[in-house]
Amino acid sequence: MLIHRGKRFAFLANPKTATTTIERWLSPDSVPGLTRIAGEARFKHTNYRTFVGMMGVYGEPVAEYEVACIVRHPLDKARSWYRFRCRPEIADLPDRYLGDRTFASYIADALVRHAEGRWVPFLNLHFVTDDRGEVGVHRIFPFERIDAALEY
């Protein structure tokens, strides 16, 4: 997540959408006033709901911020997550490793989790909505048009 308090702007880093590259390109060194939320890794991929909560803790007026992110087609994002979690180097992490499962079983389990109202990593709706389920992100760029996000 990148925040520019002076310009009232936040860029939320949606996983599997080239946000690590974008964050490197938009480093605080290259854009004066821009802040990267560092420290714990959990802040990197902060969704809109968590962003609102964090800003509230600091007394920041969330309504004054323009919030942007990139989204990827859910099936493409699911494939990317699956490949990422099939890496041999995480085989010793049974709660994360998928190398012993088929893509079809991964999708089937994800659909069950979604039907139960649980989080599914490749669905974008959870990333861009507030606690009422309303879309709060102002600028949503498709991954296929990452150039538009960079121009913005």
Protein backbone atom coordinates (compact mmCIF):
# COMPACT_ATOMS: atom_id res chain seq x y z
CA MET A 1 0.00 0.00 0.00
CA LEU A 2 1.21 3.46 -0.91
CA ILE A 3 -0.21 6.62 0.63
CA HIS A 4 0.32 10.27 -0.19
CA ARG A 5 -1.25 12.19 2.70
CA GLY A 6 -0.72 15.60 1.11
CA LYS A 7 -2.53 14.65 -2.09
CA ARG A 8 -5.02 12.46 -0.24
CA PHE A 9 -4.22 9.45 -2.42
CA ALA A 10 -3.81 5.74 -1.65
CA PHE A 11 -2.80 2.88 -3.91
CA LEU A 12 -3.87 -0.50 -2.55
CA ALA A 13 -1.64 -3.40 -3.58
CA ASN A 14 -4.00 -6.18 -4.69
CA PRO A 15 -2.05 -9.48 -4.69
CA LYS A 16 -1.02 -11.00 -8.04
CA THR A 17 -1.48 -7.78 -10.02
CA ALA A 18 2.15 -6.63 -10.49
CA THR A 19 1.90 -4.35 -7.48
CA THR A 20 5.41 -5.16 -6.26
CA THR A 21 6.77 -3.77 -9.53
CA ILE A 22 4.48 -0.74 -9.33
CA GLU A 23 5.53 -0.06 -5.74
CA ARG A 24 9.17 -0.16 -6.80
CA TRP A 25 8.43 2.23 -9.66
CA LEU A 26 6.45 4.57 -7.41
CA SER A 27 8.96 4.50 -4.60
CA PRO A 28 8.96 7.21 -1.95
CA ASP A 29 12.33 8.24 -3.41
CA SER A 30 10.80 8.96 -6.82
CA VAL A 31 7.59 10.65 -5.60
CA PRO A 32 8.16 13.14 -2.76
CA GLY A 33 5.53 12.80 -0.04
CA LEU A 34 4.65 9.22 -0.93
CA THR A 35 4.78 6.74 1.94
CA ARG A 36 5.02 2.98 1.72
CA ILE A 37 3.42 1.23 4.64
CA ALA A 38 6.36 -0.85 5.75
CA GLY A 39 7.07 -3.13 8.64
CA GLU A 40 4.84 -6.14 8.87
CA ALA A 41 4.19 -7.89 5.56
CA ARG A 42 0.45 -7.99 6.27
CA PHE A 43 0.20 -4.27 5.48
CA LYS A 44 1.45 -4.67 1.92
CA HIS A 45 -1.78 -6.16 0.58
CA THR A 46 -4.20 -4.10 2.65
CA ASN A 47 -7.72 -4.26 1.24
CA TYR A 48 -10.15 -1.33 1.29
CA ARG A 49 -11.93 -2.45 4.48
CA THR A 50 -8.64 -2.64 6.38
CA PHE A 51 -7.47 0.65 4.86
CA VAL A 52 -10.56 2.41 6.25
CA GLY A 53 -9.92 0.94 9.69
CA MET A 54 -6.23 1.88 9.67
CA MET A 55 -6.93 5.43 8.58
CA GLY A 56 -9.58 5.75 11.28
CA VAL A 57 -7.02 4.81 13.94
CA TYR A 58 -4.88 7.75 12.80
CA GLY A 59 -7.81 10.13 12.53
CA GLU A 60 -7.35 10.48 8.76
CA PRO A 61 -10.49 11.53 6.84
CA VAL A 62 -10.92 8.52 4.51
CA ALA A 63 -13.67 10.28 2.56
CA GLU A 64 -11.09 12.84 1.38
CA TYR A 65 -8.83 10.16 -0.12
CA GLU A 66 -8.91 8.95 -3.69
CA VAL A 67 -8.17 5.23 -3.57
CA ALA A 68 -6.92 3.21 -6.54
CA CYS A 69 -6.01 -0.40 -7.20
CA ILE A 70 -5.55 -2.92 -9.98
CA VAL A 71 -7.73 -6.01 -10.36
CA ARG A 72 -7.10 -9.15 -12.38
CA HIS A 73 -9.61 -11.52 -13.95
CA PRO A 74 -10.47 -14.05 -11.22
CA LEU A 75 -9.54 -17.09 -13.32
CA ASP A 76 -6.16 -15.62 -14.29
CA LYS A 77 -5.58 -14.67 -10.66
CA ALA A 78 -6.57 -18.18 -9.52
CA ARG A 79 -4.07 -19.72 -11.94
CA SER A 80 -1.36 -17.39 -10.66
CA TRP A 81 -2.16 -18.20 -7.01
CA TYR A 82 -2.17 -21.92 -7.81
CA ARG A 83 1.24 -21.79 -9.53
CA PHE A 84 2.63 -19.68 -6.67
CA ARG A 85 1.41 -22.16 -4.08
CA CYS A 86 2.70 -25.21 -5.99
CA ARG A 87 6.33 -24.13 -5.61
CA PRO A 88 8.51 -26.94 -4.22
CA GLU A 89 10.14 -24.58 -1.73
CA ILE A 90 6.88 -24.32 0.25
CA ALA A 91 6.13 -28.07 0.22
CA ASP A 92 6.82 -28.19 3.96
CA LEU A 93 3.95 -25.75 4.62
CA PRO A 94 0.87 -27.99 4.32
CA ASP A 95 -1.59 -25.16 4.94
CA ARG A 96 -0.20 -23.26 1.91
CA TYR A 97 1.21 -25.90 -0.44
CA LEU A 98 -0.98 -27.03 -3.34
CA GLY A 99 1.51 -29.09 -5.35
CA ASP A 100 -0.21 -32.32 -4.40
CA ARG A 101 -3.64 -31.13 -5.63
CA THR A 102 -5.18 -30.46 -8.99
CA PHE A 103 -6.23 -27.01 -10.12
CA ALA A 104 -9.81 -28.29 -10.35
CA SER A 105 -9.84 -29.35 -6.69
CA TYR A 106 -8.35 -25.98 -5.68
CA ILE A 107 -11.16 -24.16 -7.53
CA ALA A 108 -13.82 -26.50 -6.10
CA ASP A 109 -12.62 -25.83 -2.55
CA ALA A 110 -12.53 -22.09 -3.23
CA LEU A 111 -16.14 -22.17 -4.44
CA VAL A 112 -17.20 -23.92 -1.23
CA ARG A 113 -15.36 -21.28 0.85
CA HIS A 114 -17.05 -18.53 -1.15
CA ALA A 115 -20.50 -20.09 -0.67
CA GLU A 116 -19.79 -20.20 3.08
CA GLY A 117 -18.95 -16.48 3.03
CA ARG A 118 -15.25 -17.08 3.64
CA TRP A 119 -12.39 -15.25 1.95
CA VAL A 120 -11.17 -16.50 -1.44
CA PRO A 121 -7.79 -15.02 -2.45
CA PHE A 122 -8.49 -14.60 -6.14
CA LEU A 123 -11.86 -12.86 -5.92
CA ASN A 124 -11.50 -9.09 -6.15
CA LEU A 125 -14.79 -8.07 -4.54
CA HIS A 126 -13.45 -8.58 -1.02
CA PHE A 127 -10.47 -6.38 -1.84
CA VAL A 128 -12.40 -3.31 -3.03
CA THR A 129 -15.42 -3.24 -0.67
CA ASP A 130 -16.11 -1.78 2.76
CA ASP A 131 -17.70 -3.59 5.71
CA ARG A 132 -21.17 -3.03 4.20
CA GLY A 133 -20.11 -4.73 0.96
CA GLU A 134 -20.11 -1.47 -1.03
CA VAL A 135 -17.28 -0.70 -3.42
CA GLY A 136 -15.11 1.96 -1.84
CA VAL A 137 -12.17 2.07 -4.24
CA HIS A 138 -12.56 5.00 -6.65
CA ARG A 139 -10.21 3.97 -9.46
CA ILE A 140 -10.16 0.29 -10.38
CA PHE A 141 -7.86 -0.56 -13.25
CA PRO A 142 -7.94 -3.94 -15.01
CA PHE A 143 -4.66 -5.84 -15.00
CA GLU A 144 -4.86 -6.07 -18.79
CA ARG A 145 -4.72 -2.24 -18.89
CA ILE A 146 -1.94 -1.73 -16.40
CA ASP A 147 -0.66 1.01 -18.71
CA ALA A 148 -3.75 3.08 -17.86
CA ALA A 149 -2.97 2.73 -14.16
CA LEU A 150 0.60 3.85 -14.74
CA GLU A 151 -0.57 6.84 -16.82
CA TYR A 152 -2.96 7.78 -14.04
